């Protein structure tokens, strides 16, 4: 499911216009992004948690030149699924 399909599904499910559903999705993305930029996390009980992970600097190899390069430390967004979501996906 892509973003357009998600918007259409939300609009149908909530009985609202696609424009309103698109605004909801866009606002959700902005709020989660802003919180992660601050170093916080967004926890949706039963669904999952969006948080920031830290990746340390490391040495890599340039595949063209086989030269060693230093890869700087970075922050990465992570999502950890909640128990209810895991159970729902694994239901037989």
PDB file of N, CA and C in Angstrom:
ATOM      1  N   UNK A   1       0.855  -1.171   0.000  1.00  0.00           N
ATOM      2  CA  UNK A   1       0.000   0.000   0.000  1.00  0.00           C
ATOM      3  C   UNK A   1       0.900   1.232   0.000  1.00  0.00           C
ATOM      4  N   UNK A   2       0.656   2.117  -0.942  1.00  0.00           N
ATOM      5  CA  UNK A   2       1.416   3.357  -0.973  1.00  0.00           C
ATOM      6  C   UNK A   2       0.625   4.472  -0.286  1.00  0.00           C
ATOM      7  N   UNK A   3       1.174   5.680  -0.298  1.00  0.00           N
ATOM      8  CA  UNK A   3       0.551   6.791   0.423  1.00  0.00           C
ATOM      9  C   UNK A   3      -0.834   7.127  -0.142  1.00  0.00           C
ATOM     10  N   UNK A   4      -0.980   7.137  -1.449  1.00  0.00           N
ATOM     11  CA  UNK A   4      -2.270   7.454  -2.073  1.00  0.00           C
ATOM     12  C   UNK A   4      -3.325   6.412  -1.698  1.00  0.00           C
ATOM     13  N   UNK A   5      -2.929   5.148  -1.675  1.00  0.00           N
ATOM     14  CA  UNK A   5      -3.853   4.081  -1.292  1.00  0.00           C
ATOM     15  C   UNK A   5      -4.221   4.178   0.181  1.00  0.00           C
ATOM     16  N   UNK A   6      -3.257   4.566   1.009  1.00  0.00           N
ATOM     17  CA  UNK A   6      -3.535   4.764   2.435  1.00  0.00           C
ATOM     18  C   UNK A   6      -4.538   5.895   2.634  1.00  0.00           C
ATOM     19  N   UNK A   7      -4.344   6.994   1.928  1.00  0.00           N
ATOM     20  CA  UNK A   7      -5.266   8.129   2.017  1.00  0.00           C
ATOM     21  C   UNK A   7      -6.665   7.703   1.594  1.00  0.00           C
ATOM     22  N   UNK A   8      -6.771   6.968   0.494  1.00  0.00           N
ATOM     23  CA  UNK A   8      -8.076   6.513   0.007  1.00  0.00           C
ATOM     24  C   UNK A   8      -8.739   5.584   1.024  1.00  0.00           C
ATOM     25  N   UNK A   9      -7.961   4.676   1.618  1.00  0.00           N
ATOM     26  CA  UNK A   9      -8.512   3.743   2.604  1.00  0.00           C
ATOM     27  C   UNK A   9      -8.977   4.479   3.856  1.00  0.00           C
ATOM     28  N   UNK A  10      -8.198   5.451   4.316  1.00  0.00           N
ATOM     29  CA  UNK A  10      -8.592   6.240   5.479  1.00  0.00           C
ATOM     30  C   UNK A  10      -9.858   7.040   5.192  1.00  0.00           C
ATOM     31  N   UNK A  11      -9.922   7.651   4.020  1.00  0.00           N
ATOM     32  CA  UNK A  11     -11.092   8.446   3.649  1.00  0.00           C
ATOM     33  C   UNK A  11     -12.350   7.582   3.645  1.00  0.00           C
ATOM     34  N   UNK A  12     -12.235   6.397   3.089  1.00  0.00           N
ATOM     35  CA  UNK A  12     -13.384   5.493   3.036  1.00  0.00           C
ATOM     36  C   UNK A  12     -13.760   4.996   4.433  1.00  0.00           C
ATOM     37  N   UNK A  13     -12.763   4.655   5.223  1.00  0.00           N
ATOM     38  CA  UNK A  13     -13.005   4.118   6.556  1.00  0.00           C
ATOM     39  C   UNK A  13     -13.601   5.157   7.508  1.00  0.00           C
ATOM     40  N   UNK A  14     -13.122   6.413   7.398  1.00  0.00           N
ATOM     41  CA  UNK A  14     -13.588   7.470   8.297  1.00  0.00           C
ATOM     42  C   UNK A  14     -14.749   8.264   7.720  1.00  0.00           C
ATOM     43  N   UNK A  15     -15.130   7.951   6.484  1.00  0.00           N
ATOM     44  CA  UNK A  15     -16.212   8.651   5.790  1.00  0.00           C
ATOM     45  C   UNK A  15     -15.948  10.157   5.730  1.00  0.00           C
ATOM     46  N   UNK A  16     -14.728  10.490   5.266  1.00  0.00           N
ATOM     47  CA  UNK A  16     -14.339  11.886   5.076  1.00  0.00           C
ATOM     48  C   UNK A  16     -13.805  12.044   3.659  1.00  0.00           C
ATOM     49  N   UNK A  17     -13.578  13.291   3.256  1.00  0.00           N
ATOM     50  CA  UNK A  17     -13.026  13.556   1.932  1.00  0.00           C
ATOM     51  C   UNK A  17     -11.562  13.133   1.901  1.00  0.00           C
ATOM     52  N   UNK A  18     -11.104  12.772   0.705  1.00  0.00           N
ATOM     53  CA  UNK A  18      -9.709  12.374   0.543  1.00  0.00           C
ATOM     54  C   UNK A  18      -8.767  13.501   0.962  1.00  0.00           C
ATOM     55  N   UNK A  19      -9.171  14.725   0.705  1.00  0.00           N
ATOM     56  CA  UNK A  19      -8.356  15.882   1.056  1.00  0.00           C
ATOM     57  C   UNK A  19      -8.123  15.932   2.571  1.00  0.00           C
ATOM     58  N   UNK A  20      -9.156  15.636   3.356  1.00  0.00           N
ATOM     59  CA  UNK A  20      -9.028  15.638   4.812  1.00  0.00           C
ATOM     60  C   UNK A  20      -8.161  14.479   5.288  1.00  0.00           C
ATOM     61  N   UNK A  21      -8.305  13.319   4.661  1.00  0.00           N
ATOM     62  CA  UNK A  21      -7.495  12.159   5.024  1.00  0.00           C
ATOM     63  C   UNK A  21      -6.027  12.416   4.675  1.00  0.00           C
ATOM     64  N   UNK A  22      -5.793  13.071   3.544  1.00  0.00           N
ATOM     65  CA  UNK A  22      -4.422  13.399   3.144  1.00  0.00           C
ATOM     66  C   UNK A  22      -3.797  14.381   4.130  1.00  0.00           C
ATOM     67  N   UNK A  23      -4.579  15.345   4.602  1.00  0.00           N
ATOM     68  CA  UNK A  23      -4.102  16.289   5.603  1.00  0.00           C
ATOM     69  C   UNK A  23      -3.731  15.561   6.895  1.00  0.00           C
ATOM     70  N   UNK A  24      -4.543  14.584   7.283  1.00  0.00           N
ATOM     71  CA  UNK A  24      -4.253  13.791   8.475  1.00  0.00           C
ATOM     72  C   UNK A  24      -2.921  13.065   8.334  1.00  0.00           C
ATOM     73  N   UNK A  25      -2.715  12.393   7.207  1.00  0.00           N
ATOM     74  CA  UNK A  25      -1.483  11.630   6.986  1.00  0.00           C
ATOM     75  C   UNK A  25      -0.276  12.567   6.984  1.00  0.00           C
ATOM     76  N   UNK A  26      -0.393  13.693   6.278  1.00  0.00           N
ATOM     77  CA  UNK A  26       0.703  14.654   6.201  1.00  0.00           C
ATOM     78  C   UNK A  26       1.030  15.220   7.582  1.00  0.00           C
ATOM     79  N   UNK A  27       0.007  15.549   8.361  1.00  0.00           N
ATOM     80  CA  UNK A  27       0.212  16.091   9.700  1.00  0.00           C
ATOM     81  C   UNK A  27       0.846  15.050  10.607  1.00  0.00           C
ATOM     82  N   UNK A  28       0.397  13.792  10.513  1.00  0.00           N
ATOM     83  CA  UNK A  28       0.982  12.710  11.304  1.00  0.00           C
ATOM     84  C   UNK A  28       2.474  12.588  11.001  1.00  0.00           C
ATOM     85  N   UNK A  29       2.835  12.603   9.728  1.00  0.00           N
ATOM     86  CA  UNK A  29       4.240  12.510   9.325  1.00  0.00           C
ATOM     87  C   UNK A  29       5.049  13.666   9.908  1.00  0.00           C
ATOM     88  N   UNK A  30       4.500  14.876   9.837  1.00  0.00           N
ATOM     89  CA  UNK A  30       5.201  16.061  10.328  1.00  0.00           C
ATOM     90  C   UNK A  30       5.408  16.007  11.838  1.00  0.00           C
ATOM     91  N   UNK A  31       4.381  15.580  12.569  1.00  0.00           N
ATOM     92  CA  UNK A  31       4.471  15.515  14.027  1.00  0.00           C
ATOM     93  C   UNK A  31       5.499  14.460  14.452  1.00  0.00           C
ATOM     94  N   UNK A  32       5.461  13.291  13.842  1.00  0.00           N
ATOM     95  CA  UNK A  32       6.413  12.234  14.178  1.00  0.00           C
ATOM     96  C   UNK A  32       7.832  12.689  13.821  1.00  0.00           C
ATOM     97  N   UNK A  33       8.015  13.276  12.660  1.00  0.00           N
ATOM     98  CA  UNK A  33       9.331  13.753  12.231  1.00  0.00           C
ATOM     99  C   UNK A  33       9.876  14.803  13.191  1.00  0.00           C
ATOM    100  N   UNK A  34       9.040  15.762  13.581  1.00  0.00           N
ATOM    101  CA  UNK A  34       9.474  16.816  14.500  1.00  0.00           C
ATOM    102  C   UNK A  34       9.898  16.232  15.844  1.00  0.00           C
ATOM    103  N   UNK A  35       9.150  15.273  16.352  1.00  0.00           N
ATOM    104  CA  UNK A  35       9.488  14.666  17.644  1.00  0.00           C
ATOM    105  C   UNK A  35      10.791  13.887  17.557  1.00  0.00           C
ATOM    106  N   UNK A  36      11.001  13.157  16.461  1.00  0.00           N
ATOM    107  CA  UNK A  36      12.235  12.393  16.297  1.00  0.00           C
ATOM    108  C   UNK A  36      13.437  13.325  16.135  1.00  0.00           C
ATOM    109  N   UNK A  37      13.250  14.462  15.456  1.00  0.00           N
ATOM    110  CA  UNK A  37      14.334  15.434  15.307  1.00  0.00           C
ATOM    111  C   UNK A  37      14.783  15.958  16.660  1.00  0.00           C
ATOM    112  N   UNK A  38      13.845  16.084  17.601  1.00  0.00           N
ATOM    113  CA  UNK A  38      14.167  16.546  18.948  1.00  0.00           C
ATOM    114  C   UNK A  38      14.820  15.452  19.790  1.00  0.00           C
ATOM    115  N   UNK A  39      14.863  14.234  19.260  1.00  0.00           N
ATOM    116  CA  UNK A  39      15.446  13.116  19.993  1.00  0.00           C
ATOM    117  C   UNK A  39      14.427  12.350  20.815  1.00  0.00           C
ATOM    118  N   UNK A  40      13.154  12.703  20.678  1.00  0.00           N
ATOM    119  CA  UNK A  40      12.097  12.038  21.428  1.00  0.00           C
ATOM    120  C   UNK A  40      11.609  10.784  20.738  1.00  0.00           C
ATOM    121  N   UNK A  41      10.495  10.260  21.243  1.00  0.00           N
ATOM    122  CA  UNK A  41       9.897   9.087  20.615  1.00  0.00           C
ATOM    123  C   UNK A  41       8.385   9.239  20.636  1.00  0.00           C
ATOM    124  N   UNK A  42       7.730   8.545  19.731  1.00  0.00           N
ATOM    125  CA  UNK A  42       6.272   8.541  19.636  1.00  0.00           C
ATOM    126  C   UNK A  42       5.823   7.120  19.892  1.00  0.00           C
ATOM    127  N   UNK A  43       5.075   6.934  20.974  1.00  0.00           N
ATOM    128  CA  UNK A  43       4.639   5.601  21.360  1.00  0.00           C
ATOM    129  C   UNK A  43       3.129   5.490  21.207  1.00  0.00           C
ATOM    130  N   UNK A  44       2.696   4.576  20.366  1.00  0.00           N
ATOM    131  CA  UNK A  44       1.282   4.292  20.154  1.00  0.00           C
ATOM    132  C   UNK A  44       1.029   2.908  20.754  1.00  0.00           C
ATOM    133  N   UNK A  45       0.501   2.882  21.961  1.00  0.00           N
ATOM    134  CA  UNK A  45       0.342   1.638  22.710  1.00  0.00           C
ATOM    135  C   UNK A  45      -0.444   0.615  21.883  1.00  0.00           C
ATOM    136  N   UNK A  46       0.114  -0.575  21.773  1.00  0.00           N
ATOM    137  CA  UNK A  46      -0.514  -1.646  21.019  1.00  0.00           C
ATOM    138  C   UNK A  46      -0.112  -1.660  19.553  1.00  0.00           C
ATOM    139  N   UNK A  47       0.318  -0.512  19.020  1.00  0.00           N
ATOM    140  CA  UNK A  47       0.712  -0.433  17.614  1.00  0.00           C
ATOM    141  C   UNK A  47       2.224  -0.482  17.487  1.00  0.00           C
ATOM    142  N   UNK A  48       2.910   0.442  18.158  1.00  0.00           N
ATOM    143  CA  UNK A  48       4.364   0.443  18.088  1.00  0.00           C
ATOM    144  C   UNK A  48       4.955   1.763  18.516  1.00  0.00           C
ATOM    145  N   UNK A  49       6.273   1.832  18.419  1.00  0.00           N
ATOM    146  CA  UNK A  49       7.014   3.009  18.856  1.00  0.00           C
ATOM    147  C   UNK A  49       7.961   3.464  17.756  1.00  0.00           C
ATOM    148  N   UNK A  50       7.908   4.762  17.456  1.00  0.00           N
ATOM    149  CA  UNK A  50       8.868   5.399  16.558  1.00  0.00           C
ATOM    150  C   UNK A  50       9.923   6.040  17.453  1.00  0.00           C
ATOM    151  N   UNK A  51      11.200   5.758  17.194  1.00  0.00           N
ATOM    152  CA  UNK A  51      12.259   6.359  17.992  1.00  0.00           C
ATOM    153  C   UNK A  51      13.515   6.532  17.154  1.00  0.00           C
ATOM    154  N   UNK A  52      14.513   7.191  17.749  1.00  0.00           N
ATOM    155  CA  UNK A  52      15.768   7.453  17.055  1.00  0.00           C
ATOM    156  C   UNK A  52      16.828   6.488  17.559  1.00  0.00           C
ATOM    157  N   UNK A  53      17.484   5.832  16.634  1.00  0.00           N
ATOM    158  CA  UNK A  53      18.593   4.952  16.978  1.00  0.00           C
ATOM    159  C   UNK A  53      19.895   5.650  16.625  1.00  0.00           C
ATOM    160  N   UNK A  54      20.969   5.205  17.227  1.00  0.00           N
ATOM    161  CA  UNK A  54      22.275   5.791  16.955  1.00  0.00           C
ATOM    162  C   UNK A  54      23.172   4.741  16.329  1.00  0.00           C
ATOM    163  N   UNK A  55      23.808   5.136  15.233  1.00  0.00           N
ATOM    164  CA  UNK A  55      24.745   4.243  14.553  1.00  0.00           C
ATOM    165  C   UNK A  55      26.138   4.849  14.715  1.00  0.00           C
ATOM    166  N   UNK A  56      27.072   4.128  15.297  1.00  0.00           N
ATOM    167  CA  UNK A  56      28.415   4.682  15.525  1.00  0.00           C
ATOM    168  C   UNK A  56      29.188   4.857  14.217  1.00  0.00           C
ATOM    169  N   UNK A  57      30.227   5.684  14.266  1.00  0.00           N
ATOM    170  CA  UNK A  57      31.069   5.835  13.079  1.00  0.00           C
ATOM    171  C   UNK A  57      31.810   4.519  12.852  1.00  0.00           C
ATOM    172  N   UNK A  58      32.164   4.280  11.617  1.00  0.00           N
ATOM    173  CA  UNK A  58      32.841   3.037  11.290  1.00  0.00           C
ATOM    174  C   UNK A  58      33.683   3.216  10.036  1.00  0.00           C
ATOM    175  N   UNK A  59      34.498   2.253   9.750  1.00  0.00           N
ATOM    176  CA  UNK A  59      35.326   2.289   8.560  1.00  0.00           C
ATOM    177  C   UNK A  59      34.689   1.403   7.500  1.00  0.00           C
ATOM    178  N   UNK A  60      34.581   1.945   6.300  1.00  0.00           N
ATOM    179  CA  UNK A  60      34.022   1.197   5.178  1.00  0.00           C
ATOM    180  C   UNK A  60      35.042   1.119   4.063  1.00  0.00           C
ATOM    181  N   UNK A  61      34.660   0.487   2.977  1.00  0.00           N
ATOM    182  CA  UNK A  61      35.558   0.356   1.830  1.00  0.00           C
ATOM    183  C   UNK A  61      34.838   0.847   0.581  1.00  0.00           C
ATOM    184  N   UNK A  62      35.500   1.732  -0.144  1.00  0.00           N
ATOM    185  CA  UNK A  62      34.975   2.211  -1.414  1.00  0.00           C
ATOM    186  C   UNK A  62      35.088   1.059  -2.408  1.00  0.00           C
ATOM    187  N   UNK A  63      33.948   0.566  -2.951  1.00  0.00           N
ATOM    188  CA  UNK A  63      34.010  -0.615  -3.840  1.00  0.00           C
ATOM    189  C   UNK A  63      34.770  -0.363  -5.149  1.00  0.00           C
ATOM    190  N   UNK A  64      34.855   0.887  -5.596  1.00  0.00           N
ATOM    191  CA  UNK A  64      35.579   1.168  -6.838  1.00  0.00           C
ATOM    192  C   UNK A  64      37.087   1.158  -6.643  1.00  0.00           C
ATOM    193  N   UNK A  65      37.518   1.861  -5.578  1.00  0.00           N
ATOM    194  CA  UNK A  65      38.959   2.030  -5.382  1.00  0.00           C
ATOM    195  C   UNK A  65      39.541   1.086  -4.337  1.00  0.00           C
ATOM    196  N   UNK A  66      38.686   0.377  -3.610  1.00  0.00           N
ATOM    197  CA  UNK A  66      39.086  -0.515  -2.512  1.00  0.00           C
ATOM    198  C   UNK A  66      39.793   0.266  -1.397  1.00  0.00           C
ATOM    199  N   UNK A  67      39.562   1.571  -1.398  1.00  0.00           N
ATOM    200  CA  UNK A  67      40.172   2.443  -0.413  1.00  0.00           C
ATOM    201  C   UNK A  67      39.311   2.489   0.847  1.00  0.00           C
ATOM    202  N   UNK A  68      39.948   2.527   2.003  1.00  0.00           N
ATOM    203  CA  UNK A  68      39.216   2.623   3.266  1.00  0.00           C
ATOM    204  C   UNK A  68      38.662   4.046   3.415  1.00  0.00           C
ATOM    205  N   UNK A  69      37.410   4.146   3.826  1.00  0.00           N
ATOM    206  CA  UNK A  69      36.796   5.449   4.056  1.00  0.00           C
ATOM    207  C   UNK A  69      36.136   5.447   5.430  1.00  0.00           C
ATOM    208  N   UNK A  70      36.059   6.619   6.017  1.00  0.00           N
ATOM    209  CA  UNK A  70      35.430   6.731   7.329  1.00  0.00           C
ATOM    210  C   UNK A  70      33.971   7.128   7.125  1.00  0.00           C
ATOM    211  N   UNK A  71      33.072   6.333   7.695  1.00  0.00           N
ATOM    212  CA  UNK A  71      31.641   6.608   7.625  1.00  0.00           C
ATOM    213  C   UNK A  71      31.260   7.241   8.959  1.00  0.00           C
ATOM    214  N   UNK A  72      30.747   8.472   8.928  1.00  0.00           N
ATOM    215  CA  UNK A  72      30.456   9.174  10.178  1.00  0.00           C
ATOM    216  C   UNK A  72      29.285   8.558  10.948  1.00  0.00           C
ATOM    217  N   UNK A  73      29.227   8.857  12.232  1.00  0.00           N
ATOM    218  CA  UNK A  73      28.110   8.416  13.070  1.00  0.00           C
ATOM    219  C   UNK A  73      26.833   9.059  12.544  1.00  0.00           C
ATOM    220  N   UNK A  74      25.705   8.395  12.759  1.00  0.00           N
ATOM    221  CA  UNK A  74      24.434   8.915  12.261  1.00  0.00           C
ATOM    222  C   UNK A  74      23.288   8.506  13.172  1.00  0.00           C
ATOM    223  N   UNK A  75      22.243   9.293  13.131  1.00  0.00           N
ATOM    224  CA  UNK A  75      21.002   8.945  13.821  1.00  0.00           C
ATOM    225  C   UNK A  75      20.077   8.334  12.780  1.00  0.00           C
ATOM    226  N   UNK A  76      19.364   7.286  13.161  1.00  0.00           N
ATOM    227  CA  UNK A  76      18.458   6.636  12.219  1.00  0.00           C
ATOM    228  C   UNK A  76      17.081   6.468  12.859  1.00  0.00           C
ATOM    229  N   UNK A  77      16.018   6.721  12.096  1.00  0.00           N
ATOM    230  CA  UNK A  77      14.680   6.484  12.640  1.00  0.00           C
ATOM    231  C   UNK A  77      14.414   4.984  12.703  1.00  0.00           C
ATOM    232  N   UNK A  78      13.756   4.557  13.791  1.00  0.00           N
ATOM    233  CA  UNK A  78      13.439   3.143  13.968  1.00  0.00           C
ATOM    234  C   UNK A  78      11.966   3.008  14.339  1.00  0.00           C
ATOM    235  N   UNK A  79      11.388   1.882  13.975  1.00  0.00           N
ATOM    236  CA  UNK A  79      10.028   1.558  14.389  1.00  0.00           C
ATOM    237  C   UNK A  79      10.052   0.184  15.021  1.00  0.00           C
ATOM    238  N   UNK A  80       9.496   0.091  16.218  1.00  0.00           N
ATOM    239  CA  UNK A  80       9.402  -1.196  16.896  1.00  0.00           C
ATOM    240  C   UNK A  80       7.921  -1.523  17.051  1.00  0.00           C
ATOM    241  N   UNK A  81       7.494  -2.611  16.445  1.00  0.00           N
ATOM    242  CA  UNK A  81       6.084  -3.000  16.485  1.00  0.00           C
ATOM    243  C   UNK A  81       5.675  -3.395  17.900  1.00  0.00           C
ATOM    244  N   UNK A  82       4.457  -3.020  18.273  1.00  0.00           N
ATOM    245  CA  UNK A  82       3.911  -3.377  19.580  1.00  0.00           C
ATOM    246  C   UNK A  82       3.353  -4.788  19.583  1.00  0.00           C
ATOM    247  N   UNK A  83       3.077  -5.296  20.771  1.00  0.00           N
ATOM    248  CA  UNK A  83       2.603  -6.670  20.922  1.00  0.00           C
ATOM    249  C   UNK A  83       1.285  -6.913  20.196  1.00  0.00           C
ATOM    250  N   UNK A  84       0.341  -5.984  20.306  1.00  0.00           N
ATOM    251  CA  UNK A  84      -0.963  -6.166  19.659  1.00  0.00           C
ATOM    252  C   UNK A  84      -0.814  -6.244  18.137  1.00  0.00           C
ATOM    253  N   UNK A  85       0.065  -5.429  17.567  1.00  0.00           N
ATOM    254  CA  UNK A  85       0.295  -5.463  16.116  1.00  0.00           C
ATOM    255  C   UNK A  85       0.942  -6.779  15.713  1.00  0.00           C
ATOM    256  N   UNK A  86       1.940  -7.207  16.475  1.00  0.00           N
ATOM    257  CA  UNK A  86       2.603  -8.486  16.177  1.00  0.00           C
ATOM    258  C   UNK A  86       1.606  -9.634  16.244  1.00  0.00           C
ATOM    259  N   UNK A  87       0.797  -9.646  17.301  1.00  0.00           N
ATOM    260  CA  UNK A  87      -0.189 -10.720  17.454  1.00  0.00           C
ATOM    261  C   UNK A  87      -1.206 -10.707  16.323  1.00  0.00           C
ATOM    262  N   UNK A  88      -1.622  -9.529  15.906  1.00  0.00           N
ATOM    263  CA  UNK A  88      -2.606  -9.411  14.825  1.00  0.00           C
ATOM    264  C   UNK A  88      -2.043  -9.934  13.497  1.00  0.00           C
ATOM    265  N   UNK A  89      -0.799  -9.617  13.233  1.00  0.00           N
ATOM    266  CA  UNK A  89      -0.152 -10.058  11.983  1.00  0.00           C
ATOM    267  C   UNK A  89       0.074 -11.560  11.984  1.00  0.00           C
ATOM    268  N   UNK A  90       0.352 -12.123  13.143  1.00  0.00           N
ATOM    269  CA  UNK A  90       0.668 -13.549  13.232  1.00  0.00           C
ATOM    270  C   UNK A  90      -0.532 -14.437  13.500  1.00  0.00           C
ATOM    271  N   UNK A  91      -1.730 -13.874  13.591  1.00  0.00           N
ATOM    272  CA  UNK A  91      -2.933 -14.679  13.816  1.00  0.00           C
ATOM    273  C   UNK A  91      -3.174 -15.616  12.643  1.00  0.00           C
ATOM    274  N   UNK A  92      -3.563 -16.829  12.959  1.00  0.00           N
ATOM    275  CA  UNK A  92      -3.805 -17.801  11.887  1.00  0.00           C
ATOM    276  C   UNK A  92      -5.272 -17.902  11.571  1.00  0.00           C
TER     277      UNK A  92
END
